[in-house]
């Protein structure tokens, strides 16, 4: 596990992070040992409780698997932490926000994070051999992301989001749902209360931005219409449960 952690620490902390193949190989090795435990774990000493011996060995391997998953999700979480830290610079109660507001708003941070998600979901899918482990890791990652975003929004419950913050978060949330769904995560696991809470907040923020003076002609509104389509203008070609299917 120290080697696994060391590999991850040497990688990027930004959205260009890609899970190293070496880490995937370590995870696969543990999975292979667990799958072949009856062949690999034998004792010649008579009188030994082989069933108990196998159970103990399997329990140890499962413990290692859980630890590797925890370390991996911690690493993936640091990338989102960095993204949210960048978005926090646009908070309305900061001096930097006034300066940043002078620049043309885009959603490059949101797009970069979406690409990070896509690449690493594919890496997990293509490089890991244990399907159950893959789905479990993805589901844990999804829940961690929604929890972090929900906490970030809750810390700003008394303030409206900057248009840039809204644009990036709406881009991230829409792609997060669809990308994890495409990887086989069930709608029940995706359409959580945390996800719904985030969605409701973003709908409110979209409505707030829509009624701001000159919002119809601002670069931000143009961006919503052409790139993200607005949080309520989602494509009806991809059915989604919850608020996504209701807002098309």
Protein backbone atom coordinates (compact mmCIF):
# COMPACT_ATOMS: atom_id res chain seq x y z
CA UNK A 1 0.00 0.00 0.00
CA UNK A 2 2.95 2.31 0.62
CA UNK A 3 4.04 1.77 -2.98
CA UNK A 4 0.52 2.50 -4.24
CA UNK A 5 0.37 5.69 -2.22
CA UNK A 6 3.84 6.71 -3.38
CA UNK A 7 2.85 6.36 -7.04
CA UNK A 8 -0.19 8.58 -6.53
CA UNK A 9 1.80 11.22 -4.66
CA UNK A 10 4.12 11.56 -7.64
CA UNK A 11 1.23 12.36 -9.98
CA UNK A 12 -0.41 15.68 -10.78
CA UNK A 13 -2.81 17.29 -8.32
CA UNK A 14 -4.73 19.01 -11.08
CA UNK A 15 -7.28 18.03 -13.70
CA UNK A 16 -4.56 16.47 -15.85
CA UNK A 17 -4.25 13.61 -13.35
CA UNK A 18 -4.62 10.12 -14.84
CA UNK A 19 -4.60 7.01 -12.67
CA UNK A 20 -1.21 5.36 -13.37
CA UNK A 21 -1.19 1.94 -15.00
CA UNK A 22 1.13 0.79 -12.22
CA UNK A 23 -1.58 1.50 -9.65
CA UNK A 24 -4.10 -0.40 -11.76
CA UNK A 25 -1.72 -3.37 -11.85
CA UNK A 26 -1.43 -3.36 -8.07
CA UNK A 27 -5.21 -3.37 -7.68
CA UNK A 28 -5.52 -6.20 -10.21
CA UNK A 29 -2.86 -8.24 -8.42
CA UNK A 30 -4.81 -8.14 -5.16
CA UNK A 31 -8.01 -9.06 -7.02
CA UNK A 32 -6.26 -12.01 -8.71
CA UNK A 33 -4.91 -13.27 -5.39
CA UNK A 34 -8.38 -13.11 -3.90
CA UNK A 35 -9.93 -14.94 -6.87
CA UNK A 36 -7.38 -17.77 -6.66
CA UNK A 37 -7.17 -18.04 -2.92
CA UNK A 38 -8.08 -21.73 -2.84
CA UNK A 39 -5.25 -22.59 -5.23
CA UNK A 40 -2.63 -20.36 -3.71
CA UNK A 41 -3.27 -20.84 -0.01
CA UNK A 42 -2.58 -24.42 0.99
CA UNK A 43 -1.25 -26.02 4.12
CA UNK A 44 0.38 -29.41 4.38
CA UNK A 45 0.15 -29.56 8.15
CA UNK A 46 -2.63 -31.91 9.14
CA UNK A 47 -5.26 -30.75 11.56
CA UNK A 48 -5.27 -27.16 10.35
CA UNK A 49 -8.66 -25.60 9.79
CA UNK A 50 -8.30 -24.85 6.08
CA UNK A 51 -11.67 -23.12 5.87
CA UNK A 52 -10.71 -20.68 8.59
CA UNK A 53 -7.30 -20.17 7.02
CA UNK A 54 -8.84 -19.27 3.69
CA UNK A 55 -11.36 -16.95 5.33
CA UNK A 56 -8.64 -15.10 7.21
CA UNK A 57 -6.55 -14.70 4.08
CA UNK A 58 -9.54 -13.50 2.08
CA UNK A 59 -10.43 -11.02 4.82
CA UNK A 60 -6.90 -9.61 4.74
CA UNK A 61 -7.04 -9.21 0.96
CA UNK A 62 -10.41 -7.47 1.18
CA UNK A 63 -8.94 -5.13 3.78
CA UNK A 64 -6.14 -4.28 1.37
CA UNK A 65 -8.66 -3.68 -1.43
CA UNK A 66 -10.66 -1.30 0.75
CA UNK A 67 -7.52 0.56 1.74
CA UNK A 68 -6.42 0.95 -1.88
CA UNK A 69 -9.88 2.23 -2.81
CA UNK A 70 -9.74 4.73 0.05
CA UNK A 71 -6.33 6.04 -1.00
CA UNK A 72 -7.49 6.32 -4.61
CA UNK A 73 -10.65 8.20 -3.73
CA UNK A 74 -8.67 10.54 -1.50
CA UNK A 75 -6.48 11.34 -4.48
CA UNK A 76 -9.43 11.86 -6.81
CA UNK A 77 -11.02 14.10 -4.20
CA UNK A 78 -8.01 16.42 -4.08
CA UNK A 79 -8.61 17.29 -7.74
CA UNK A 80 -12.16 18.45 -7.01
CA UNK A 81 -10.88 20.33 -3.96
CA UNK A 82 -8.58 22.26 -6.25
CA UNK A 83 -11.42 23.06 -8.65
CA UNK A 84 -13.68 24.29 -5.84
CA UNK A 85 -10.83 26.39 -4.47
CA UNK A 86 -10.52 28.10 -7.86
CA UNK A 87 -14.26 28.74 -7.96
CA UNK A 88 -14.16 30.17 -4.43
CA UNK A 89 -12.11 33.08 -5.76
CA UNK A 90 -15.31 34.33 -7.38
CA UNK A 91 -17.22 34.57 -4.08
CA UNK A 92 -19.13 37.85 -3.93
CA UNK A 93 -17.62 38.89 -0.60
CA UNK A 94 -14.03 38.83 -1.85
CA UNK A 95 -12.01 41.62 -3.45
CA UNK A 96 -10.67 39.24 -6.07
CA UNK A 97 -14.20 38.56 -7.27
CA UNK A 98 -14.55 42.15 -8.49
CA UNK A 99 -11.37 41.85 -10.51
CA UNK A 100 -12.25 38.46 -11.97
CA UNK A 101 -15.71 39.69 -12.92
CA UNK A 102 -14.11 42.03 -15.44
CA UNK A 103 -12.93 39.07 -17.50
CA UNK A 104 -15.16 37.28 -19.99
CA UNK A 105 -16.77 34.33 -18.18
CA UNK A 106 -16.23 30.88 -19.63
CA UNK A 107 -16.39 27.42 -18.15
CA UNK A 108 -12.83 26.22 -18.78
CA UNK A 109 -12.47 24.98 -15.19
CA UNK A 110 -15.70 23.00 -15.50
CA UNK A 111 -14.68 21.55 -18.85
CA UNK A 112 -11.25 20.57 -17.51
CA UNK A 113 -12.83 18.72 -14.61
CA UNK A 114 -15.32 16.98 -16.89
CA UNK A 115 -12.42 15.74 -19.02
CA UNK A 116 -10.60 14.57 -15.89
CA UNK A 117 -13.68 12.55 -14.88
CA UNK A 118 -14.09 11.04 -18.33
CA UNK A 119 -10.45 9.99 -18.66
CA UNK A 120 -10.27 8.39 -15.23
CA UNK A 121 -13.61 6.63 -15.55
CA UNK A 122 -12.30 5.08 -18.75
CA UNK A 123 -9.04 4.19 -17.04
CA UNK A 124 -10.89 2.40 -14.26
CA UNK A 125 -13.13 0.62 -16.76
CA UNK A 126 -10.38 -0.48 -19.13
CA UNK A 127 -7.51 -1.24 -16.76
CA UNK A 128 -9.16 -2.88 -13.75
CA UNK A 129 -10.22 -6.51 -14.02
CA UNK A 130 -12.68 -6.86 -11.13
CA UNK A 131 -16.06 -5.54 -12.29
CA UNK A 132 -17.51 -5.41 -8.78
CA UNK A 133 -14.52 -3.44 -7.56
CA UNK A 134 -14.77 -1.06 -10.52
CA UNK A 135 -18.44 -0.26 -9.88
CA UNK A 136 -17.87 0.09 -6.14
CA UNK A 137 -14.98 2.50 -6.69
CA UNK A 138 -16.97 4.56 -9.18
CA UNK A 139 -20.01 4.75 -6.93
CA UNK A 140 -17.89 5.83 -3.96
CA UNK A 141 -16.19 8.46 -6.10
CA UNK A 142 -19.55 9.78 -7.32
CA UNK A 143 -20.93 10.08 -3.80
CA UNK A 144 -17.77 11.82 -2.59
CA UNK A 145 -18.01 14.38 -5.39
CA UNK A 146 -21.66 15.21 -4.76
CA UNK A 147 -20.99 15.50 -1.03
CA UNK A 148 -18.08 17.90 -1.56
CA UNK A 149 -20.05 20.09 -3.98
CA UNK A 150 -23.06 20.10 -1.67
CA UNK A 151 -20.92 21.20 1.27
CA UNK A 152 -19.31 23.91 -0.87
CA UNK A 153 -22.71 25.24 -1.91
CA UNK A 154 -24.06 25.04 1.63
CA UNK A 155 -21.20 27.23 2.82
CA UNK A 156 -22.56 29.84 0.38
CA UNK A 157 -26.24 29.39 1.13
CA UNK A 158 -26.64 33.06 2.05
CA UNK A 159 -25.01 34.34 -1.13
CA UNK A 160 -25.87 34.00 -4.80
CA UNK A 161 -23.29 32.30 -6.97
CA UNK A 162 -21.17 34.25 -9.39
CA UNK A 163 -22.21 33.44 -12.99
CA UNK A 164 -18.84 31.77 -13.53
CA UNK A 165 -19.35 29.54 -10.49
CA UNK A 166 -22.79 28.56 -11.71
CA UNK A 167 -21.60 27.85 -15.24
CA UNK A 168 -18.78 25.57 -14.13
CA UNK A 169 -20.82 23.70 -11.53
CA UNK A 170 -23.75 23.13 -13.90
CA UNK A 171 -21.35 21.79 -16.53
CA UNK A 172 -19.77 19.45 -13.99
CA UNK A 173 -23.03 18.19 -12.51
CA UNK A 174 -24.71 17.42 -15.84
CA UNK A 175 -21.74 15.50 -17.17
CA UNK A 176 -21.10 13.78 -13.86
CA UNK A 177 -24.54 12.20 -13.88
CA UNK A 178 -24.48 11.11 -17.51
CA UNK A 179 -20.87 9.84 -17.50
CA UNK A 180 -21.30 7.73 -14.38
CA UNK A 181 -24.61 6.42 -15.71
CA UNK A 182 -22.88 5.33 -18.91
CA UNK A 183 -20.36 3.39 -16.83
CA UNK A 184 -23.12 1.29 -15.29
CA UNK A 185 -23.91 3.09 -12.05
CA UNK A 186 -27.59 2.59 -11.30
CA UNK A 187 -30.06 5.51 -11.26
CA UNK A 188 -30.84 4.74 -7.62
CA UNK A 189 -27.20 5.34 -6.72
CA UNK A 190 -27.01 8.49 -8.84
CA UNK A 191 -30.28 10.22 -8.04
CA UNK A 192 -29.54 10.74 -4.34
CA UNK A 193 -30.91 13.39 -2.01
CA UNK A 194 -27.55 15.13 -2.14
CA UNK A 195 -27.70 15.25 -5.93
CA UNK A 196 -31.27 16.56 -5.86
CA UNK A 197 -30.30 19.24 -3.34
CA UNK A 198 -27.47 20.43 -5.59
CA UNK A 199 -29.77 20.42 -8.61
CA UNK A 200 -32.42 22.47 -6.84
CA UNK A 201 -29.83 25.02 -5.76
CA UNK A 202 -28.49 25.36 -9.29
CA UNK A 203 -32.01 25.82 -10.66
CA UNK A 204 -32.51 28.69 -8.21
CA UNK A 205 -29.17 30.19 -9.19
CA UNK A 206 -30.05 29.95 -12.88
CA UNK A 207 -33.32 31.76 -12.27
CA UNK A 208 -31.51 34.46 -10.29
CA UNK A 209 -29.00 35.05 -13.05
CA UNK A 210 -31.76 35.13 -15.68
CA UNK A 211 -33.45 38.15 -14.06
CA UNK A 212 -30.28 40.14 -13.50
CA UNK A 213 -30.03 43.43 -15.46
CA UNK A 214 -28.75 42.96 -19.02
CA UNK A 215 -28.52 39.21 -18.42
CA UNK A 216 -30.01 38.40 -21.82
CA UNK A 217 -27.19 40.11 -23.67
CA UNK A 218 -24.30 39.25 -21.36
CA UNK A 219 -21.52 36.84 -22.41
CA UNK A 220 -22.53 34.62 -19.49
CA UNK A 221 -26.07 34.15 -20.75
CA UNK A 222 -24.78 33.47 -24.24
CA UNK A 223 -22.52 30.82 -22.79
CA UNK A 224 -25.40 29.12 -20.99
CA UNK A 225 -27.43 29.01 -24.17
CA UNK A 226 -24.75 27.78 -26.54
CA UNK A 227 -22.54 25.56 -24.42
CA UNK A 228 -24.39 24.33 -21.37
CA UNK A 229 -27.85 25.05 -22.73
CA UNK A 230 -28.87 26.35 -19.33
CA UNK A 231 -29.43 23.99 -16.46
CA UNK A 232 -33.04 23.67 -17.51
CA UNK A 233 -32.28 23.16 -21.20
CA UNK A 234 -30.88 19.66 -21.07
CA UNK A 235 -31.06 17.37 -24.07
CA UNK A 236 -34.19 15.23 -24.09
CA UNK A 237 -32.41 12.56 -26.08
CA UNK A 238 -30.78 11.13 -22.95
CA UNK A 239 -33.46 10.19 -20.42
CA UNK A 240 -32.49 10.83 -16.81
CA UNK A 241 -34.42 10.39 -13.60
CA UNK A 242 -35.24 13.10 -11.13
CA UNK A 243 -34.88 16.75 -11.96
CA UNK A 244 -32.98 16.07 -15.19
CA UNK A 245 -35.93 14.36 -16.85
CA UNK A 246 -38.31 17.02 -15.61
CA UNK A 247 -36.37 19.99 -16.87
CA UNK A 248 -36.02 18.95 -20.52
